């Protein structure tokens, strides 16, 4: 998702994607996301929420899925459209997610490295719930934070570099498995999978992962989560 900064008028100005393209998250997450999508069957329509320039959406498209993407950055959406790998629209992930595409619901929503940039993650998760069909799934990836990783960063004097406040825009929320699960269960999602993710050695050393992937299911009826 293209990063943003808050102005004194309390609206959001998105960086120009042409000047600051998103890094590719395919190497760390794509195979895992595709496996999760296939494990849960009958997934044909996927919304990439905060799609940026469409790199991850293109990866899912090449795996045979019908991909839709939404982002508030006009330059990012233009770049995504040029990939010719799905339907991409300019829009806010805080608004109705189905309306820009004329659809009633999606089978799955994927948010790759997006939720840590949001001022209002609760509103976003509510919009995702509204946009999913019953039994639809919500796949979220985000940098991983946890007790042992925090200790390791502190004793190696790397906390400032990991949690830098000098990154323009940057990450404004730092999620652990527990806090992200709490957010999702508030919005009546059910946790069905968790996976720590990383590159190289950090892919297999427990609790020192670079990122995490969590899969949530929207229940068939609200009473299922009560």
Protein backbone atom coordinates (compact mmCIF):
# COMPACT_ATOMS: atom_id res chain seq x y z
CA UNK A 1 0.00 0.00 0.00
CA UNK A 2 1.37 3.42 -0.90
CA UNK A 3 2.35 5.22 2.30
CA UNK A 4 0.70 8.42 3.46
CA UNK A 5 1.19 11.32 5.81
CA UNK A 6 -1.46 13.32 7.67
CA UNK A 7 -1.80 17.01 6.85
CA UNK A 8 -2.91 19.82 9.15
CA UNK A 9 -6.33 19.62 7.45
CA UNK A 10 -6.74 16.04 8.74
CA UNK A 11 -6.88 14.44 5.31
CA UNK A 12 -4.36 12.18 3.67
CA UNK A 13 -1.80 12.92 0.99
CA UNK A 14 -0.42 9.83 -0.70
CA UNK A 15 3.12 9.61 -1.97
CA UNK A 16 3.59 9.53 -5.71
CA UNK A 17 4.02 5.88 -6.66
CA UNK A 18 6.09 6.84 -9.69
CA UNK A 19 8.67 8.38 -7.36
CA UNK A 20 8.39 5.89 -4.49
CA UNK A 21 7.27 2.46 -5.75
CA UNK A 22 6.42 -0.21 -3.20
CA UNK A 23 8.91 -3.00 -2.60
CA UNK A 24 7.80 -6.41 -3.84
CA UNK A 25 6.28 -8.60 -1.14
CA UNK A 26 5.98 -11.61 -3.42
CA UNK A 27 9.18 -13.36 -2.26
CA UNK A 28 8.06 -13.58 1.37
CA UNK A 29 4.31 -13.96 1.07
CA UNK A 30 2.97 -14.97 -2.34
CA UNK A 31 3.38 -18.76 -2.11
CA UNK A 32 1.92 -18.73 1.37
CA UNK A 33 -1.07 -16.62 0.37
CA UNK A 34 -1.78 -18.76 -2.69
CA UNK A 35 -1.63 -21.91 -0.58
CA UNK A 36 -4.10 -20.43 1.91
CA UNK A 37 -6.47 -19.41 -0.87
CA UNK A 38 -6.42 -22.88 -2.38
CA UNK A 39 -6.75 -24.59 1.00
CA UNK A 40 -10.08 -22.89 1.58
CA UNK A 41 -11.65 -23.73 -1.77
CA UNK A 42 -14.19 -21.93 -3.96
CA UNK A 43 -12.08 -18.76 -3.99
CA UNK A 44 -12.41 -17.00 -7.32
CA UNK A 45 -12.79 -13.27 -6.60
CA UNK A 46 -10.11 -11.63 -4.47
CA UNK A 47 -9.80 -8.01 -3.40
CA UNK A 48 -6.27 -6.73 -2.85
CA UNK A 49 -6.98 -3.97 -0.32
CA UNK A 50 -4.24 -1.35 -0.51
CA UNK A 51 -2.94 -2.83 -3.77
CA UNK A 52 -0.28 -0.20 -4.45
CA UNK A 53 1.17 -0.67 -7.92
CA UNK A 54 -0.33 -4.13 -8.35
CA UNK A 55 2.79 -6.27 -7.95
CA UNK A 56 1.22 -8.70 -5.48
CA UNK A 57 -2.09 -8.68 -7.36
CA UNK A 58 -0.22 -9.68 -10.50
CA UNK A 59 1.28 -12.63 -8.65
CA UNK A 60 -2.18 -13.87 -7.60
CA UNK A 61 -3.53 -13.29 -11.10
CA UNK A 62 -0.80 -15.49 -12.58
CA UNK A 63 -1.93 -18.23 -10.20
CA UNK A 64 -5.37 -18.17 -11.80
CA UNK A 65 -7.41 -15.98 -9.47
CA UNK A 66 -9.76 -13.18 -10.43
CA UNK A 67 -8.14 -10.13 -8.88
CA UNK A 68 -9.53 -6.73 -7.96
CA UNK A 69 -7.49 -3.99 -6.32
CA UNK A 70 -8.18 -0.71 -4.58
CA UNK A 71 -5.83 2.05 -3.43
CA UNK A 72 -6.15 5.76 -2.75
CA UNK A 73 -3.08 6.61 -4.81
CA UNK A 74 -3.98 7.50 -8.41
CA UNK A 75 -0.41 6.93 -9.61
CA UNK A 76 -0.29 3.50 -7.96
CA UNK A 77 -3.61 2.43 -9.47
CA UNK A 78 -2.45 3.61 -12.88
CA UNK A 79 0.65 1.45 -12.52
CA UNK A 80 -1.51 -1.51 -11.49
CA UNK A 81 -3.83 -1.05 -14.45
CA UNK A 82 -0.85 -1.09 -16.81
CA UNK A 83 -0.08 -4.63 -15.63
CA UNK A 84 -3.38 -5.82 -17.19
CA UNK A 85 -3.85 -8.41 -14.47
CA UNK A 86 -7.20 -7.46 -12.96
CA UNK A 87 -9.59 -4.61 -12.22
CA UNK A 88 -8.13 -1.72 -10.21
CA UNK A 89 -9.89 1.33 -8.83
CA UNK A 90 -8.94 4.46 -6.94
CA UNK A 91 -10.72 4.48 -3.62
CA UNK A 92 -10.40 4.45 0.14
CA UNK A 93 -10.25 1.20 2.09
CA UNK A 94 -12.33 2.98 4.74
CA UNK A 95 -15.31 3.09 2.37
CA UNK A 96 -17.59 0.46 0.82
CA UNK A 97 -15.14 -1.95 -0.81
CA UNK A 98 -17.60 -3.58 -3.19
CA UNK A 99 -19.22 -0.46 -4.64
CA UNK A 100 -16.34 0.63 -6.93
CA UNK A 101 -16.53 -2.73 -8.71
CA UNK A 102 -20.30 -3.18 -8.79
CA UNK A 103 -20.05 -6.43 -6.83
CA UNK A 104 -22.08 -7.72 -3.90
CA UNK A 105 -19.25 -9.56 -2.15
CA UNK A 106 -15.76 -11.03 -2.52
CA UNK A 107 -14.67 -14.58 -1.77
CA UNK A 108 -11.48 -13.32 -0.14
CA UNK A 109 -9.77 -10.08 0.82
CA UNK A 110 -5.98 -9.87 1.00
CA UNK A 111 -4.15 -7.02 2.75
CA UNK A 112 -0.40 -7.27 2.30
CA UNK A 113 1.69 -4.98 4.52
CA UNK A 114 -1.19 -2.52 4.76
CA UNK A 115 -2.74 -2.63 8.23
CA UNK A 116 0.37 -1.29 9.96
CA UNK A 117 -0.02 1.99 8.04
CA UNK A 118 -3.61 2.69 9.07
CA UNK A 119 -4.89 5.26 11.54
CA UNK A 120 -8.20 3.42 11.83
CA UNK A 121 -7.66 -0.33 11.46
CA UNK A 122 -11.01 -1.08 13.13
CA UNK A 123 -12.93 0.76 10.43
CA UNK A 124 -10.95 -1.02 7.74
CA UNK A 125 -11.67 -4.44 9.26
CA UNK A 126 -15.37 -3.57 9.48
CA UNK A 127 -15.37 -2.67 5.78
CA UNK A 128 -13.70 -5.99 4.98
CA UNK A 129 -16.31 -7.87 6.98
CA UNK A 130 -19.06 -6.08 5.06
CA UNK A 131 -17.39 -6.89 1.73
CA UNK A 132 -16.91 -10.63 2.28
CA UNK A 133 -19.43 -13.35 1.57
CA UNK A 134 -20.29 -15.69 4.46
CA UNK A 135 -17.36 -18.09 5.02
CA UNK A 136 -15.13 -15.76 3.02
CA UNK A 137 -11.57 -15.36 4.21
CA UNK A 138 -9.41 -12.39 5.12
CA UNK A 139 -5.64 -12.82 4.76
CA UNK A 140 -3.48 -10.23 6.52
CA UNK A 141 0.29 -9.90 6.43
CA UNK A 142 2.17 -7.42 8.59
CA UNK A 143 5.55 -7.13 10.32
CA UNK A 144 5.73 -9.47 13.30
CA UNK A 145 6.29 -8.13 16.82
CA UNK A 146 6.48 -10.30 19.91
CA UNK A 147 8.14 -10.66 23.31
CA UNK A 148 11.26 -12.57 22.26
CA UNK A 149 11.85 -10.48 19.16
CA UNK A 150 11.56 -7.29 21.21
CA UNK A 151 14.12 -8.60 23.71
CA UNK A 152 16.49 -9.62 20.90
CA UNK A 153 16.27 -6.14 19.37
CA UNK A 154 16.86 -4.48 22.73
CA UNK A 155 19.94 -6.52 23.70
CA UNK A 156 21.50 -6.02 20.25
CA UNK A 157 20.74 -2.28 20.32
CA UNK A 158 18.61 -2.42 17.17
CA UNK A 159 15.29 -1.16 18.52
CA UNK A 160 15.69 2.33 17.07
CA UNK A 161 16.47 1.04 13.59
CA UNK A 162 13.57 -1.43 13.70
CA UNK A 163 11.04 1.06 15.08
CA UNK A 164 12.45 4.18 13.49
CA UNK A 165 10.42 7.36 13.80
CA UNK A 166 12.42 8.93 10.95
CA UNK A 167 10.58 7.09 8.16
CA UNK A 168 8.23 9.56 6.47
CA UNK A 169 4.77 8.03 6.78
CA UNK A 170 6.03 4.61 7.75
CA UNK A 171 4.50 2.13 10.17
CA UNK A 172 2.22 3.68 12.75
CA UNK A 173 0.93 0.42 14.30
CA UNK A 174 3.04 -2.52 15.46
CA UNK A 175 1.06 -5.74 15.64
CA UNK A 176 1.58 -8.96 17.55
CA UNK A 177 -0.35 -12.16 16.99
CA UNK A 178 -2.39 -11.39 20.11
CA UNK A 179 -3.33 -7.80 19.24
CA UNK A 180 -4.24 -8.58 15.64
CA UNK A 181 -6.37 -11.53 16.77
CA UNK A 182 -8.12 -9.28 19.29
CA UNK A 183 -8.91 -6.71 16.61
CA UNK A 184 -10.33 -9.34 14.28
CA UNK A 185 -12.45 -11.12 16.89
CA UNK A 186 -13.94 -7.75 17.86
CA UNK A 187 -15.27 -7.63 14.29
CA UNK A 188 -16.54 -11.23 14.49
CA UNK A 189 -13.80 -12.89 12.49
CA UNK A 190 -12.53 -16.35 13.41
CA UNK A 191 -8.79 -17.06 13.37
CA UNK A 192 -8.05 -20.13 11.27
CA UNK A 193 -4.30 -19.92 10.57
CA UNK A 194 -1.10 -18.20 11.67
CA UNK A 195 2.33 -18.42 10.06
CA UNK A 196 5.56 -16.64 10.89
CA UNK A 197 7.41 -15.42 7.79
CA UNK A 198 10.88 -14.19 7.02
CA UNK A 199 13.79 -14.20 4.63
CA UNK A 200 16.72 -16.56 5.02
CA UNK A 201 17.41 -17.61 8.58
CA UNK A 202 14.56 -15.51 9.92
CA UNK A 203 12.10 -17.69 8.05
CA UNK A 204 12.67 -20.66 10.33
CA UNK A 205 13.89 -19.22 13.65
CA UNK A 206 10.73 -19.17 15.83
CA UNK A 207 9.55 -15.79 17.17
CA UNK A 208 12.22 -13.79 15.35
CA UNK A 209 10.26 -13.63 12.10
CA UNK A 210 10.28 -10.50 9.94
CA UNK A 211 6.57 -10.79 9.25
CA UNK A 212 3.48 -12.83 9.94
CA UNK A 213 0.56 -14.09 7.91
CA UNK A 214 -2.82 -14.59 9.56
CA UNK A 215 -5.98 -16.01 8.02
CA UNK A 216 -9.43 -15.18 9.34
CA UNK A 217 -12.85 -16.46 8.35
CA UNK A 218 -16.10 -14.55 8.27
CA UNK A 219 -18.70 -16.83 9.87
CA UNK A 220 -21.69 -18.04 7.93
CA UNK A 221 -23.94 -16.29 10.43
CA UNK A 222 -23.22 -13.79 13.26
CA UNK A 223 -24.33 -16.27 15.91
CA UNK A 224 -21.34 -18.51 15.08
CA UNK A 225 -19.00 -16.13 16.88
CA UNK A 226 -21.18 -15.50 19.93
